[in-house]
Amino acid sequence: MAGEIVHYEIAAQDSDRASAFWSGLFGWEFGPAMPEMDYRMAQMSDSQGAAIFHADKPQVNVYHLVDDIDASTAKVRELGGEADDKAPVPGHGWFAACKDTEGNAFHLWQADASAGQ
């Protein structure tokens, strides 16, 4: 379904503490930090995931599923919002940071195993 929330990122000053909180609240099981950065992922269902990432300020990033990221970013702009150009997550898909007409941040996500290759 277009617009389905497929990924949820949570900023944390203390990733261990944040992982323990969200694991305790919902039972999410976060994997180890990625080697290149403190980014820990949890799979909530076949189509939904979450992540904890290090940041000094509170922040939540929500990713909405789209079938065509180019058409969707164009639609965001047409409707008066802001959309960055798409960026690859190699081997997984494309994302674009956006803002709605009220300045609320969100992201678009298109799955594509050939992204960034």
PDB file of N, CA and C in Angstrom:
ATOM      1  N   MET A   1       0.845  -1.177   0.000  1.00  0.00           N
ATOM      2  CA  MET A   1       0.000   0.000   0.000  1.00  0.00           C
ATOM      3  C   MET A   1       0.888   1.236   0.000  1.00  0.00           C
ATOM      4  N   ALA A   2       0.659   2.154  -0.897  1.00  0.00           N
ATOM      5  CA  ALA A   2       1.419   3.394  -0.935  1.00  0.00           C
ATOM      6  C   ALA A   2       1.210   4.169   0.359  1.00  0.00           C
ATOM      7  N   GLY A   3       2.287   4.684   0.905  1.00  0.00           N
ATOM      8  CA  GLY A   3       2.218   5.467   2.121  1.00  0.00           C
ATOM      9  C   GLY A   3       2.390   4.671   3.396  1.00  0.00           C
ATOM     10  N   GLU A   4       2.404   3.337   3.286  1.00  0.00           N
ATOM     11  CA  GLU A   4       2.604   2.501   4.467  1.00  0.00           C
ATOM     12  C   GLU A   4       3.931   2.874   5.128  1.00  0.00           C
ATOM     13  N   ILE A   5       3.940   2.960   6.441  1.00  0.00           N
ATOM     14  CA  ILE A   5       5.185   3.221   7.156  1.00  0.00           C
ATOM     15  C   ILE A   5       5.990   1.928   7.174  1.00  0.00           C
ATOM     16  N   VAL A   6       7.196   1.991   6.579  1.00  0.00           N
ATOM     17  CA  VAL A   6       8.020   0.792   6.477  1.00  0.00           C
ATOM     18  C   VAL A   6       9.283   0.853   7.329  1.00  0.00           C
ATOM     19  N   HIS A   7       9.653   2.051   7.782  1.00  0.00           N
ATOM     20  CA  HIS A   7      10.860   2.167   8.602  1.00  0.00           C
ATOM     21  C   HIS A   7      10.709   3.359   9.526  1.00  0.00           C
ATOM     22  N   TYR A   8      11.232   3.192  10.750  1.00  0.00           N
ATOM     23  CA  TYR A   8      11.094   4.186  11.805  1.00  0.00           C
ATOM     24  C   TYR A   8      12.452   4.307  12.481  1.00  0.00           C
ATOM     25  N   GLU A   9      13.086   5.489  12.400  1.00  0.00           N
ATOM     26  CA  GLU A   9      14.397   5.702  13.001  1.00  0.00           C
ATOM     27  C   GLU A   9      14.267   6.588  14.242  1.00  0.00           C
ATOM     28  N   ILE A  10      14.985   6.221  15.276  1.00  0.00           N
ATOM     29  CA  ILE A  10      14.920   6.934  16.545  1.00  0.00           C
ATOM     30  C   ILE A  10      16.325   7.389  16.926  1.00  0.00           C
ATOM     31  N   ALA A  11      16.491   8.701  17.109  1.00  0.00           N
ATOM     32  CA  ALA A  11      17.778   9.252  17.532  1.00  0.00           C
ATOM     33  C   ALA A  11      18.001   8.969  19.014  1.00  0.00           C
ATOM     34  N   ALA A  12      19.257   8.769  19.390  1.00  0.00           N
ATOM     35  CA  ALA A  12      19.575   8.476  20.790  1.00  0.00           C
ATOM     36  C   ALA A  12      20.951   9.023  21.151  1.00  0.00           C
ATOM     37  N   GLN A  13      21.029   9.682  22.294  1.00  0.00           N
ATOM     38  CA  GLN A  13      22.338  10.059  22.818  1.00  0.00           C
ATOM     39  C   GLN A  13      23.028   8.833  23.398  1.00  0.00           C
ATOM     40  N   ASP A  14      22.241   7.895  23.929  1.00  0.00           N
ATOM     41  CA  ASP A  14      22.755   6.659  24.505  1.00  0.00           C
ATOM     42  C   ASP A  14      22.023   5.492  23.815  1.00  0.00           C
ATOM     43  N   SER A  15      22.655   4.899  22.830  1.00  0.00           N
ATOM     44  CA  SER A  15      22.012   3.853  22.026  1.00  0.00           C
ATOM     45  C   SER A  15      21.661   2.614  22.840  1.00  0.00           C
ATOM     46  N   ASP A  16      22.493   2.265  23.825  1.00  0.00           N
ATOM     47  CA  ASP A  16      22.182   1.107  24.667  1.00  0.00           C
ATOM     48  C   ASP A  16      20.904   1.360  25.469  1.00  0.00           C
ATOM     49  N   ARG A  17      20.801   2.554  26.045  1.00  0.00           N
ATOM     50  CA  ARG A  17      19.620   2.906  26.831  1.00  0.00           C
ATOM     51  C   ARG A  17      18.372   2.926  25.961  1.00  0.00           C
ATOM     52  N   ALA A  18      18.468   3.538  24.766  1.00  0.00           N
ATOM     53  CA  ALA A  18      17.318   3.612  23.855  1.00  0.00           C
ATOM     54  C   ALA A  18      16.903   2.224  23.379  1.00  0.00           C
ATOM     55  N   SER A  19      17.874   1.390  23.045  1.00  0.00           N
ATOM     56  CA  SER A  19      17.562   0.024  22.614  1.00  0.00           C
ATOM     57  C   SER A  19      16.834  -0.733  23.717  1.00  0.00           C
ATOM     58  N   ALA A  20      17.290  -0.578  24.957  1.00  0.00           N
ATOM     59  CA  ALA A  20      16.652  -1.249  26.087  1.00  0.00           C
ATOM     60  C   ALA A  20      15.217  -0.751  26.275  1.00  0.00           C
ATOM     61  N   PHE A  21      15.002   0.558  26.112  1.00  0.00           N
ATOM     62  CA  PHE A  21      13.659   1.120  26.267  1.00  0.00           C
ATOM     63  C   PHE A  21      12.695   0.537  25.237  1.00  0.00           C
ATOM     64  N   TRP A  22      13.054   0.639  23.955  1.00  0.00           N
ATOM     65  CA  TRP A  22      12.148   0.183  22.893  1.00  0.00           C
ATOM     66  C   TRP A  22      11.998  -1.338  22.896  1.00  0.00           C
ATOM     67  N   SER A  23      13.037  -2.051  23.255  1.00  0.00           N
ATOM     68  CA  SER A  23      12.929  -3.511  23.390  1.00  0.00           C
ATOM     69  C   SER A  23      11.986  -3.868  24.527  1.00  0.00           C
ATOM     70  N   GLY A  24      12.108  -3.144  25.642  1.00  0.00           N
ATOM     71  CA  GLY A  24      11.242  -3.394  26.777  1.00  0.00           C
ATOM     72  C   GLY A  24       9.796  -3.037  26.512  1.00  0.00           C
ATOM     73  N   LEU A  25       9.579  -1.956  25.757  1.00  0.00           N
ATOM     74  CA  LEU A  25       8.214  -1.499  25.477  1.00  0.00           C
ATOM     75  C   LEU A  25       7.494  -2.396  24.483  1.00  0.00           C
ATOM     76  N   PHE A  26       8.140  -2.711  23.363  1.00  0.00           N
ATOM     77  CA  PHE A  26       7.478  -3.433  22.278  1.00  0.00           C
ATOM     78  C   PHE A  26       8.073  -4.806  21.981  1.00  0.00           C
ATOM     79  N   GLY A  27       9.174  -5.162  22.620  1.00  0.00           N
ATOM     80  CA  GLY A  27       9.807  -6.443  22.340  1.00  0.00           C
ATOM     81  C   GLY A  27      10.669  -6.439  21.085  1.00  0.00           C
ATOM     82  N   TRP A  28      10.968  -5.255  20.552  1.00  0.00           N
ATOM     83  CA  TRP A  28      11.814  -5.179  19.362  1.00  0.00           C
ATOM     84  C   TRP A  28      13.204  -5.680  19.723  1.00  0.00           C
ATOM     85  N   GLU A  29      13.800  -6.487  18.855  1.00  0.00           N
ATOM     86  CA  GLU A  29      15.141  -7.018  19.073  1.00  0.00           C
ATOM     87  C   GLU A  29      16.114  -6.331  18.117  1.00  0.00           C
ATOM     88  N   PHE A  30      16.923  -5.443  18.660  1.00  0.00           N
ATOM     89  CA  PHE A  30      17.882  -4.698  17.854  1.00  0.00           C
ATOM     90  C   PHE A  30      19.156  -5.501  17.681  1.00  0.00           C
ATOM     91  N   GLY A  31      19.675  -5.492  16.460  1.00  0.00           N
ATOM     92  CA  GLY A  31      20.932  -6.148  16.175  1.00  0.00           C
ATOM     93  C   GLY A  31      22.089  -5.279  16.639  1.00  0.00           C
ATOM     94  N   PRO A  32      23.306  -5.761  16.440  1.00  0.00           N
ATOM     95  CA  PRO A  32      24.480  -4.979  16.825  1.00  0.00           C
ATOM     96  C   PRO A  32      24.639  -3.753  15.935  1.00  0.00           C
ATOM     97  N   ALA A  33      25.414  -2.801  16.417  1.00  0.00           N
ATOM     98  CA  ALA A  33      25.697  -1.600  15.640  1.00  0.00           C
ATOM     99  C   ALA A  33      26.439  -1.965  14.364  1.00  0.00           C
ATOM    100  N   MET A  34      26.160  -1.231  13.300  1.00  0.00           N
ATOM    101  CA  MET A  34      26.895  -1.428  12.048  1.00  0.00           C
ATOM    102  C   MET A  34      28.354  -1.029  12.275  1.00  0.00           C
ATOM    103  N   PRO A  35      29.291  -1.670  11.598  1.00  0.00           N
ATOM    104  CA  PRO A  35      30.714  -1.388  11.834  1.00  0.00           C
ATOM    105  C   PRO A  35      31.105   0.070  11.576  1.00  0.00           C
ATOM    106  N   GLU A  36      30.492   0.705  10.584  1.00  0.00           N
ATOM    107  CA  GLU A  36      30.900   2.060  10.211  1.00  0.00           C
ATOM    108  C   GLU A  36      30.198   3.153  11.009  1.00  0.00           C
ATOM    109  N   MET A  37      29.121   2.805  11.760  1.00  0.00           N
ATOM    110  CA  MET A  37      28.432   3.807  12.571  1.00  0.00           C
ATOM    111  C   MET A  37      27.526   3.115  13.585  1.00  0.00           C
ATOM    112  N   ASP A  38      27.120   3.857  14.597  1.00  0.00           N
ATOM    113  CA  ASP A  38      26.219   3.312  15.611  1.00  0.00           C
ATOM    114  C   ASP A  38      24.788   3.383  15.095  1.00  0.00           C
ATOM    115  N   TYR A  39      24.398   2.381  14.323  1.00  0.00           N
ATOM    116  CA  TYR A  39      23.074   2.273  13.719  1.00  0.00           C
ATOM    117  C   TYR A  39      22.627   0.842  13.928  1.00  0.00           C
ATOM    118  N   ARG A  40      21.599   0.661  14.740  1.00  0.00           N
ATOM    119  CA  ARG A  40      21.142  -0.677  15.131  1.00  0.00           C
ATOM    120  C   ARG A  40      19.724  -0.894  14.611  1.00  0.00           C
ATOM    121  N   MET A  41      19.507  -1.991  13.917  1.00  0.00           N
ATOM    122  CA  MET A  41      18.214  -2.237  13.292  1.00  0.00           C
ATOM    123  C   MET A  41      17.442  -3.364  13.979  1.00  0.00           C
ATOM    124  N   ALA A  42      16.112  -3.240  13.907  1.00  0.00           N
ATOM    125  CA  ALA A  42      15.196  -4.276  14.385  1.00  0.00           C
ATOM    126  C   ALA A  42      14.162  -4.514  13.296  1.00  0.00           C
ATOM    127  N   GLN A  43      13.782  -5.758  13.093  1.00  0.00           N
ATOM    128  CA  GLN A  43      12.739  -6.108  12.119  1.00  0.00           C
ATOM    129  C   GLN A  43      11.447  -6.319  12.891  1.00  0.00           C
ATOM    130  N   MET A  44      10.426  -5.522  12.583  1.00  0.00           N
ATOM    131  CA  MET A  44       9.155  -5.607  13.302  1.00  0.00           C
ATOM    132  C   MET A  44       8.173  -6.542  12.609  1.00  0.00           C
ATOM    133  N   SER A  45       8.288  -6.648  11.294  1.00  0.00           N
ATOM    134  CA  SER A  45       7.462  -7.560  10.500  1.00  0.00           C
ATOM    135  C   SER A  45       8.188  -7.778   9.185  1.00  0.00           C
ATOM    136  N   ASP A  46       7.578  -8.526   8.272  1.00  0.00           N
ATOM    137  CA  ASP A  46       8.206  -8.743   6.966  1.00  0.00           C
ATOM    138  C   ASP A  46       8.422  -7.444   6.213  1.00  0.00           C
ATOM    139  N   SER A  47       7.583  -6.441   6.460  1.00  0.00           N
ATOM    140  CA  SER A  47       7.667  -5.203   5.693  1.00  0.00           C
ATOM    141  C   SER A  47       7.985  -3.970   6.530  1.00  0.00           C
ATOM    142  N   GLN A  48       8.235  -4.140   7.833  1.00  0.00           N
ATOM    143  CA  GLN A  48       8.483  -2.972   8.682  1.00  0.00           C
ATOM    144  C   GLN A  48       9.692  -3.190   9.583  1.00  0.00           C
ATOM    145  N   GLY A  49      10.477  -2.119   9.708  1.00  0.00           N
ATOM    146  CA  GLY A  49      11.649  -2.165  10.567  1.00  0.00           C
ATOM    147  C   GLY A  49      11.816  -0.873  11.338  1.00  0.00           C
ATOM    148  N   ALA A  50      12.732  -0.912  12.298  1.00  0.00           N
ATOM    149  CA  ALA A  50      13.055   0.260  13.100  1.00  0.00           C
ATOM    150  C   ALA A  50      14.562   0.297  13.289  1.00  0.00           C
ATOM    151  N   ALA A  51      15.064   1.467  13.663  1.00  0.00           N
ATOM    152  CA  ALA A  51      16.492   1.599  13.921  1.00  0.00           C
ATOM    153  C   ALA A  51      16.730   2.643  14.999  1.00  0.00           C
ATOM    154  N   ILE A  52      17.793   2.441  15.739  1.00  0.00           N
ATOM    155  CA  ILE A  52      18.316   3.410  16.708  1.00  0.00           C
ATOM    156  C   ILE A  52      19.608   3.937  16.093  1.00  0.00           C
ATOM    157  N   PHE A  53      19.772   5.270  16.096  1.00  0.00           N
ATOM    158  CA  PHE A  53      21.019   5.844  15.600  1.00  0.00           C
ATOM    159  C   PHE A  53      21.488   6.934  16.549  1.00  0.00           C
ATOM    160  N   HIS A  54      22.798   7.125  16.613  1.00  0.00           N
ATOM    161  CA  HIS A  54      23.348   8.125  17.523  1.00  0.00           C
ATOM    162  C   HIS A  54      23.123   9.533  16.976  1.00  0.00           C
ATOM    163  N   ALA A  55      22.611  10.398  17.836  1.00  0.00           N
ATOM    164  CA  ALA A  55      22.450  11.820  17.532  1.00  0.00           C
ATOM    165  C   ALA A  55      22.346  12.563  18.856  1.00  0.00           C
ATOM    166  N   ASP A  56      22.768  13.805  18.869  1.00  0.00           N
ATOM    167  CA  ASP A  56      22.756  14.590  20.097  1.00  0.00           C
ATOM    168  C   ASP A  56      21.399  15.213  20.411  1.00  0.00           C
ATOM    169  N   LYS A  57      20.530  15.324  19.408  1.00  0.00           N
ATOM    170  CA  LYS A  57      19.216  15.924  19.612  1.00  0.00           C
ATOM    171  C   LYS A  57      18.125  14.917  19.304  1.00  0.00           C
ATOM    172  N   PRO A  58      16.989  14.985  20.026  1.00  0.00           N
ATOM    173  CA  PRO A  58      15.872  14.081  19.731  1.00  0.00           C
ATOM    174  C   PRO A  58      15.393  14.245  18.296  1.00  0.00           C
ATOM    175  N   GLN A  59      15.081  13.153  17.678  1.00  0.00           N
ATOM    176  CA  GLN A  59      14.627  13.166  16.289  1.00  0.00           C
ATOM    177  C   GLN A  59      14.019  11.814  15.960  1.00  0.00           C
ATOM    178  N   VAL A  60      12.950  11.821  15.188  1.00  0.00           N
ATOM    179  CA  VAL A  60      12.348  10.599  14.680  1.00  0.00           C
ATOM    180  C   VAL A  60      12.214  10.755  13.174  1.00  0.00           C
ATOM    181  N   ASN A  61      12.614   9.755  12.434  1.00  0.00           N
ATOM    182  CA  ASN A  61      12.470   9.737  10.977  1.00  0.00           C
ATOM    183  C   ASN A  61      11.502   8.627  10.596  1.00  0.00           C
ATOM    184  N   VAL A  62      10.507   8.978   9.816  1.00  0.00           N
ATOM    185  CA  VAL A  62       9.507   8.009   9.359  1.00  0.00           C
ATOM    186  C   VAL A  62       9.649   7.868   7.847  1.00  0.00           C
ATOM    187  N   TYR A  63       9.649   6.619   7.364  1.00  0.00           N
ATOM    188  CA  TYR A  63       9.801   6.322   5.938  1.00  0.00           C
ATOM    189  C   TYR A  63       8.506   5.700   5.420  1.00  0.00           C
ATOM    190  N   HIS A  64       7.948   6.325   4.371  1.00  0.00           N
ATOM    191  CA  HIS A  64       6.709   5.852   3.754  1.00  0.00           C
ATOM    192  C   HIS A  64       7.020   5.150   2.435  1.00  0.00           C
ATOM    193  N   LEU A  65       6.403   4.008   2.211  1.00  0.00           N
ATOM    194  CA  LEU A  65       6.596   3.219   0.998  1.00  0.00           C
ATOM    195  C   LEU A  65       5.942   3.892  -0.205  1.00  0.00           C
ATOM    196  N   VAL A  66       6.663   3.945  -1.312  1.00  0.00           N
ATOM    197  CA  VAL A  66       6.124   4.424  -2.590  1.00  0.00           C
ATOM    198  C   VAL A  66       6.542   3.453  -3.687  1.00  0.00           C
ATOM    199  N   ASP A  67       5.759   3.408  -4.753  1.00  0.00           N
ATOM    200  CA  ASP A  67       6.090   2.542  -5.885  1.00  0.00           C
ATOM    201  C   ASP A  67       7.117   3.191  -6.807  1.00  0.00           C
ATOM    202  N   ASP A  68       7.081   4.518  -6.904  1.00  0.00           N
ATOM    203  CA  ASP A  68       7.950   5.250  -7.827  1.00  0.00           C
ATOM    204  C   ASP A  68       8.451   6.501  -7.113  1.00  0.00           C
ATOM    205  N   ILE A  69       9.690   6.460  -6.633  1.00  0.00           N
ATOM    206  CA  ILE A  69      10.205   7.565  -5.832  1.00  0.00           C
ATOM    207  C   ILE A  69      10.348   8.846  -6.648  1.00  0.00           C
ATOM    208  N   ASP A  70      10.663   8.721  -7.928  1.00  0.00           N
ATOM    209  CA  ASP A  70      10.784   9.924  -8.762  1.00  0.00           C
ATOM    210  C   ASP A  70       9.428  10.619  -8.909  1.00  0.00           C
ATOM    211  N   ALA A  71       8.395   9.853  -9.201  1.00  0.00           N
ATOM    212  CA  ALA A  71       7.045  10.424  -9.332  1.00  0.00           C
ATOM    213  C   ALA A  71       6.564  10.975  -7.991  1.00  0.00           C
ATOM    214  N   SER A  72       6.898  10.291  -6.911  1.00  0.00           N
ATOM    215  CA  SER A  72       6.438  10.726  -5.589  1.00  0.00           C
ATOM    216  C   SER A  72       7.128  12.006  -5.133  1.00  0.00           C
ATOM    217  N   THR A  73       8.432  12.151  -5.379  1.00  0.00           N
ATOM    218  CA  THR A  73       9.103  13.394  -5.014  1.00  0.00           C
ATOM    219  C   THR A  73       8.571  14.540  -5.867  1.00  0.00           C
ATOM    220  N   ALA A  74       8.290  14.270  -7.124  1.00  0.00           N
ATOM    221  CA  ALA A  74       7.694  15.299  -7.983  1.00  0.00           C
ATOM    222  C   ALA A  74       6.325  15.724  -7.452  1.00  0.00           C
ATOM    223  N   LYS A  75       5.549  14.758  -6.962  1.00  0.00           N
ATOM    224  CA  LYS A  75       4.217  15.047  -6.424  1.00  0.00           C
ATOM    225  C   LYS A  75       4.323  15.889  -5.153  1.00  0.00           C
ATOM    226  N   VAL A  76       5.298  15.577  -4.292  1.00  0.00           N
ATOM    227  CA  VAL A  76       5.519  16.368  -3.082  1.00  0.00           C
ATOM    228  C   VAL A  76       5.747  17.827  -3.467  1.00  0.00           C
ATOM    229  N   ARG A  77       6.622  18.055  -4.436  1.00  0.00           N
ATOM    230  CA  ARG A  77       6.928  19.424  -4.879  1.00  0.00           C
ATOM    231  C   ARG A  77       5.707  20.089  -5.505  1.00  0.00           C
ATOM    232  N   GLU A  78       4.967  19.350  -6.323  1.00  0.00           N
ATOM    233  CA  GLU A  78       3.761  19.871  -6.973  1.00  0.00           C
ATOM    234  C   GLU A  78       2.728  20.331  -5.941  1.00  0.00           C
ATOM    235  N   LEU A  79       2.649  19.611  -4.830  1.00  0.00           N
ATOM    236  CA  LEU A  79       1.671  19.925  -3.789  1.00  0.00           C
ATOM    237  C   LEU A  79       2.145  21.008  -2.824  1.00  0.00           C
ATOM    238  N   GLY A  80       3.350  21.560  -3.067  1.00  0.00           N
ATOM    239  CA  GLY A  80       3.855  22.654  -2.247  1.00  0.00           C
ATOM    240  C   GLY A  80       4.814  22.250  -1.148  1.00  0.00           C
ATOM    241  N   GLY A  81       5.184  20.964  -1.096  1.00  0.00           N
ATOM    242  CA  GLY A  81       6.153  20.499  -0.113  1.00  0.00           C
ATOM    243  C   GLY A  81       7.564  20.580  -0.671  1.00  0.00           C
ATOM    244  N   GLU A  82       8.501  20.072   0.100  1.00  0.00           N
ATOM    245  CA  GLU A  82       9.907  20.041  -0.314  1.00  0.00           C
ATOM    246  C   GLU A  82      10.360  18.592  -0.383  1.00  0.00           C
ATOM    247  N   ALA A  83      11.183  18.281  -1.370  1.00  0.00           N
ATOM    248  CA  ALA A  83      11.725  16.927  -1.508  1.00  0.00           C
ATOM    249  C   ALA A  83      13.156  17.001  -2.012  1.00  0.00           C
ATOM    250  N   ASP A  84      14.052  16.354  -1.280  1.00  0.00           N
ATOM    251  CA  ASP A  84      15.434  16.226  -1.742  1.00  0.00           C
ATOM    252  C   ASP A  84      15.465  15.227  -2.888  1.00  0.00           C
ATOM    253  N   ASP A  85      16.544  15.239  -3.648  1.00  0.00           N
ATOM    254  CA  ASP A  85      16.729  14.222  -4.671  1.00  0.00           C
ATOM    255  C   ASP A  85      16.878  12.867  -3.982  1.00  0.00           C
ATOM    256  N   LYS A  86      16.503  11.815  -4.670  1.00  0.00           N
ATOM    257  CA  LYS A  86      16.612  10.473  -4.093  1.00  0.00           C
ATOM    258  C   LYS A  86      18.081  10.116  -3.875  1.00  0.00           C
ATOM    259  N   ALA A  87      18.310   9.258  -2.885  1.00  0.00           N
ATOM    260  CA  ALA A  87      19.651   8.766  -2.581  1.00  0.00           C
ATOM    261  C   ALA A  87      19.561   7.248  -2.420  1.00  0.00           C
ATOM    262  N   PRO A  88      20.604   6.531  -2.840  1.00  0.00           N
ATOM    263  CA  PRO A  88      20.546   5.060  -2.747  1.00  0.00           C
ATOM    264  C   PRO A  88      20.963   4.532  -1.381  1.00  0.00           C
ATOM    265  N   VAL A  89      20.386   3.419  -1.024  1.00  0.00           N
ATOM    266  CA  VAL A  89      20.900   2.545   0.029  1.00  0.00           C
ATOM    267  C   VAL A  89      21.293   1.297  -0.755  1.00  0.00           C
ATOM    268  N   PRO A  90      22.571   1.201  -1.120  1.00  0.00           N
ATOM    269  CA  PRO A  90      23.007   0.166  -2.059  1.00  0.00           C
ATOM    270  C   PRO A  90      22.482  -1.232  -1.736  1.00  0.00           C
ATOM    271  N   GLY A  91      21.884  -1.834  -2.760  1.00  0.00           N
ATOM    272  CA  GLY A  91      21.361  -3.177  -2.639  1.00  0.00           C
ATOM    273  C   GLY A  91      19.991  -3.278  -1.989  1.00  0.00           C
ATOM    274  N   HIS A  92      19.431  -2.143  -1.546  1.00  0.00           N
ATOM    275  CA  HIS A  92      18.149  -2.173  -0.837  1.00  0.00           C
ATOM    276  C   HIS A  92      17.082  -1.280  -1.464  1.00  0.00           C
ATOM    277  N   GLY A  93      17.437  -0.036  -1.769  1.00  0.00           N
ATOM    278  CA  GLY A  93      16.424   0.863  -2.321  1.00  0.00           C
ATOM    279  C   GLY A  93      16.853   2.314  -2.329  1.00  0.00           C
ATOM    280  N   TRP A  94      15.872   3.170  -2.510  1.00  0.00           N
ATOM    281  CA  TRP A  94      16.075   4.617  -2.616  1.00  0.00           C
ATOM    282  C   TRP A  94      15.268   5.320  -1.530  1.00  0.00           C
ATOM    283  N   PHE A  95      15.805   6.420  -1.011  1.00  0.00           N
ATOM    284  CA  PHE A  95      15.031   7.232  -0.094  1.00  0.00           C
ATOM    285  C   PHE A  95      15.177   8.702  -0.471  1.00  0.00           C
ATOM    286  N   ALA A  96      14.214   9.508  -0.034  1.00  0.00           N
ATOM    287  CA  ALA A  96      14.273  10.952  -0.235  1.00  0.00           C
ATOM    288  C   ALA A  96      13.705  11.622   1.004  1.00  0.00           C
ATOM    289  N   ALA A  97      14.452  12.577   1.550  1.00  0.00           N
ATOM    290  CA  ALA A  97      13.975  13.375   2.678  1.00  0.00           C
ATOM    291  C   ALA A  97      13.024  14.437   2.137  1.00  0.00           C
ATOM    292  N   CYS A  98      11.902  14.618   2.833  1.00  0.00           N
ATOM    293  CA  CYS A  98      10.872  15.546   2.379  1.00  0.00           C
ATOM    294  C   CYS A  98      10.315  16.350   3.556  1.00  0.00           C
ATOM    295  N   LYS A  99       9.565  17.404   3.216  1.00  0.00           N
ATOM    296  CA  LYS A  99       8.784  18.166   4.186  1.00  0.00           C
ATOM    297  C   LYS A  99       7.430  18.442   3.557  1.00  0.00           C
ATOM    298  N   ASP A 100       6.396  18.375   4.394  1.00  0.00           N
ATOM    299  CA  ASP A 100       5.066  18.710   3.895  1.00  0.00           C
ATOM    300  C   ASP A 100       4.905  20.231   3.881  1.00  0.00           C
ATOM    301  N   THR A 101       3.735  20.718   3.540  1.00  0.00           N
ATOM    302  CA  THR A 101       3.500  22.161   3.443  1.00  0.00           C
ATOM    303  C   THR A 101       3.597  22.865   4.792  1.00  0.00           C
ATOM    304  N   GLU A 102       3.557  22.115   5.886  1.00  0.00           N
ATOM    305  CA  GLU A 102       3.642  22.700   7.223  1.00  0.00           C
ATOM    306  C   GLU A 102       5.040  22.594   7.819  1.00  0.00           C
ATOM    307  N   GLY A 103       5.981  22.045   7.051  1.00  0.00           N
ATOM    308  CA  GLY A 103       7.355  21.907   7.513  1.00  0.00           C
ATOM    309  C   GLY A 103       7.641  20.620   8.258  1.00  0.00           C
ATOM    310  N   ASN A 104       6.676  19.687   8.305  1.00  0.00           N
ATOM    311  CA  ASN A 104       6.889  18.399   8.964  1.00  0.00           C
ATOM    312  C   ASN A 104       7.775  17.502   8.105  1.00  0.00           C
ATOM    313  N   ALA A 105       8.824  16.989   8.707  1.00  0.00           N
ATOM    314  CA  ALA A 105       9.768  16.125   7.986  1.00  0.00           C
ATOM    315  C   ALA A 105       9.239  14.696   7.889  1.00  0.00           C
ATOM    316  N   PHE A 106       9.502  14.070   6.739  1.00  0.00           N
ATOM    317  CA  PHE A 106       9.211  12.654   6.523  1.00  0.00           C
ATOM    318  C   PHE A 106      10.111  12.177   5.402  1.00  0.00           C
ATOM    319  N   HIS A 107      10.135  10.875   5.168  1.00  0.00           N
ATOM    320  CA  HIS A 107      10.955  10.302   4.102  1.00  0.00           C
ATOM    321  C   HIS A 107      10.106   9.409   3.219  1.00  0.00           C
ATOM    322  N   LEU A 108      10.506   9.304   1.972  1.00  0.00           N
ATOM    323  CA  LEU A 108       9.902   8.352   1.040  1.00  0.00           C
ATOM    324  C   LEU A 108      10.894   7.214   0.832  1.00  0.00           C
ATOM    325  N   TRP A 109      10.368   6.014   0.596  1.00  0.00           N
ATOM    326  CA  TRP A 109      11.213   4.834   0.397  1.00  0.00           C
ATOM    327  C   TRP A 109      10.666   3.999  -0.748  1.00  0.00           C
ATOM    328  N   GLN A 110      11.556   3.640  -1.674  1.00  0.00           N
ATOM    329  CA  GLN A 110      11.227   2.701  -2.739  1.00  0.00           C
ATOM    330  C   GLN A 110      12.216   1.558  -2.674  1.00  0.00           C
ATOM    331  N   ALA A 111      11.739   0.337  -2.463  1.00  0.00           N
ATOM    332  CA  ALA A 111      12.602  -0.831  -2.456  1.00  0.00           C
ATOM    333  C   ALA A 111      13.116  -1.083  -3.867  1.00  0.00           C
ATOM    334  N   ASP A 112      14.412  -1.382  -3.992  1.00  0.00           N
ATOM    335  CA  ASP A 112      15.015  -1.642  -5.294  1.00  0.00           C
ATOM    336  C   ASP A 112      16.398  -2.256  -5.054  1.00  0.00           C
ATOM    337  N   ALA A 113      16.529  -3.552  -5.241  1.00  0.00           N
ATOM    338  CA  ALA A 113      17.787  -4.256  -5.000  1.00  0.00           C
ATOM    339  C   ALA A 113      18.926  -3.750  -5.877  1.00  0.00           C
ATOM    340  N   SER A 114      18.610  -3.080  -6.995  1.00  0.00           N
ATOM    341  CA  SER A 114      19.663  -2.569  -7.874  1.00  0.00           C
ATOM    342  C   SER A 114      20.090  -1.137  -7.543  1.00  0.00           C
ATOM    343  N   ALA A 115      19.529  -0.561  -6.519  1.00  0.00           N
ATOM    344  CA  ALA A 115      19.864   0.833  -6.147  1.00  0.00           C
ATOM    345  C   ALA A 115      21.350   0.971  -5.843  1.00  0.00           C
ATOM    346  N   GLY A 116      21.925   2.029  -6.359  1.00  0.00           N
ATOM    347  CA  GLY A 116      23.316   2.344  -6.068  1.00  0.00           C
ATOM    348  C   GLY A 116      24.337   1.453  -6.747  1.00  0.00           C
ATOM    349  N   GLN A 117      23.915   0.665  -7.730  1.00  0.00           N
ATOM    350  CA  GLN A 117      24.849  -0.238  -8.383  1.00  0.00           C
ATOM    351  C   GLN A 117      25.174   0.185  -9.793  1.00  0.00           C
TER     352      GLN A 117
END
